Amino acid sequence: MQTIAFVAGLAVVVGANIAYPWYASTRSQGQPIPFFFLRLTFVPWGIDLVYYAIVGVGAVLILLLSRLPLGVAVGVYVAAVFLPWELMRRRHNHQVSSNP
């Protein structure tokens, strides 16, 4: 059961970190997405709250319910959050910079 929760948490976090930058890029109107932010001004605050809640639930499922050592679980969580977000952000920013 813990393995299923771990995999589900991983899928939820990766999915959220693909969907949120994609949504932000559709609403950005040609603005680049910054590397670090607490809130994007062109995304409604309700979407931000849902995103942070999903990422928080994923953190609980990955960090607290995993059978992995804490350091490995943190590394998996950071990779699940950072990699899809950064790929989608770079893709958007490249499209913005290449279109005048």
Protein backbone atom coordinates (compact mmCIF):
# COMPACT_ATOMS: atom_id res chain seq x y z
CA MET A 1 0.00 0.00 0.00
CA GLN A 2 2.86 2.39 0.75
CA THR A 3 4.38 1.72 -2.65
CA ILE A 4 1.09 2.55 -4.36
CA ALA A 5 0.80 5.78 -2.37
CA PHE A 6 4.40 6.68 -3.26
CA VAL A 7 3.85 6.11 -6.98
CA ALA A 8 0.53 7.97 -6.88
CA GLY A 9 2.16 10.91 -5.11
CA LEU A 10 4.94 10.95 -7.67
CA ALA A 11 2.44 10.91 -10.54
CA VAL A 12 0.37 13.69 -8.96
CA VAL A 13 3.39 15.93 -8.43
CA VAL A 14 4.77 15.38 -11.92
CA GLY A 15 1.34 15.94 -13.46
CA ALA A 16 0.82 19.17 -11.51
CA ASN A 17 4.25 20.43 -12.51
CA ILE A 18 3.45 19.85 -16.17
CA ALA A 19 -0.10 21.25 -16.06
CA TYR A 20 0.60 24.43 -14.08
CA PRO A 21 3.36 25.84 -16.34
CA TRP A 22 1.31 24.86 -19.37
CA TYR A 23 -1.69 26.79 -18.00
CA ALA A 24 0.55 29.72 -17.05
CA SER A 25 2.01 29.81 -20.55
CA THR A 26 -1.47 29.99 -22.08
CA ARG A 27 -2.32 32.96 -19.84
CA SER A 28 1.02 34.80 -19.97
CA GLN A 29 0.37 36.84 -23.15
CA GLY A 30 4.00 36.68 -24.23
CA GLN A 31 5.60 37.23 -20.83
CA PRO A 32 8.41 34.88 -19.78
CA ILE A 33 7.92 32.69 -16.73
CA PRO A 34 10.56 33.40 -14.05
CA PHE A 35 12.72 30.69 -12.51
CA PHE A 36 11.55 31.32 -8.94
CA PHE A 37 8.28 32.90 -7.91
CA LEU A 38 5.66 32.71 -5.22
CA ARG A 39 2.78 33.79 -7.41
CA LEU A 40 2.46 34.56 -11.10
CA THR A 41 0.34 37.66 -11.60
CA PHE A 42 -1.35 36.37 -14.75
CA VAL A 43 -2.62 33.18 -13.08
CA PRO A 44 -5.76 33.44 -10.90
CA TRP A 45 -5.13 32.94 -7.18
CA GLY A 46 -7.52 29.97 -7.06
CA ILE A 47 -5.36 28.07 -9.53
CA ASP A 48 -2.30 28.89 -7.41
CA LEU A 49 -4.00 27.51 -4.30
CA VAL A 50 -4.99 24.30 -6.05
CA TYR A 51 -1.46 23.87 -7.42
CA TYR A 52 0.18 24.38 -4.02
CA ALA A 53 -2.32 22.02 -2.38
CA ILE A 54 -1.57 19.30 -4.95
CA VAL A 55 2.18 19.74 -4.52
CA GLY A 56 1.72 19.61 -0.73
CA VAL A 57 -0.29 16.39 -0.88
CA GLY A 58 2.37 14.94 -3.17
CA ALA A 59 5.03 15.91 -0.63
CA VAL A 60 3.14 14.10 2.12
CA LEU A 61 2.69 10.99 -0.01
CA ILE A 62 6.29 10.91 -1.19
CA LEU A 63 8.14 11.98 1.96
CA LEU A 64 6.06 10.55 4.76
CA LEU A 65 4.70 7.35 3.25
CA SER A 66 7.76 6.11 1.38
CA ARG A 67 9.96 3.25 2.48
CA LEU A 68 13.00 5.06 1.16
CA PRO A 69 15.50 6.80 3.42
CA LEU A 70 14.59 10.43 3.98
CA GLY A 71 17.46 11.80 1.87
CA VAL A 72 16.52 9.64 -1.10
CA ALA A 73 12.83 10.53 -0.73
CA VAL A 74 13.68 14.24 -0.67
CA GLY A 75 15.81 13.79 -3.79
CA VAL A 76 12.99 12.01 -5.59
CA TYR A 77 10.54 14.73 -4.57
CA VAL A 78 12.82 17.55 -5.69
CA ALA A 79 13.39 15.79 -9.02
CA ALA A 80 9.64 15.27 -9.47
CA VAL A 81 8.99 18.95 -8.80
CA PHE A 82 11.96 20.59 -10.51
CA LEU A 83 12.48 18.64 -13.74
CA PRO A 84 9.00 18.88 -15.32
CA TRP A 85 8.63 22.49 -14.15
CA GLU A 86 11.97 23.53 -15.61
CA LEU A 87 11.36 21.73 -18.92
CA MET A 88 7.97 23.39 -19.38
CA ARG A 89 9.31 26.80 -18.28
CA ARG A 90 12.24 26.65 -20.70
CA ARG A 91 9.97 25.51 -23.52
CA HIS A 92 7.64 28.47 -22.92
CA ASN A 93 10.44 31.01 -22.54
CA HIS A 94 12.07 29.74 -25.74
CA GLN A 95 8.79 30.17 -27.62
CA VAL A 96 8.36 33.68 -26.19
CA SER A 97 11.90 34.75 -27.10
CA SER A 98 11.73 33.33 -30.64
CA ASN A 99 8.42 35.10 -31.45
CA PRO A 100 8.90 38.88 -31.80
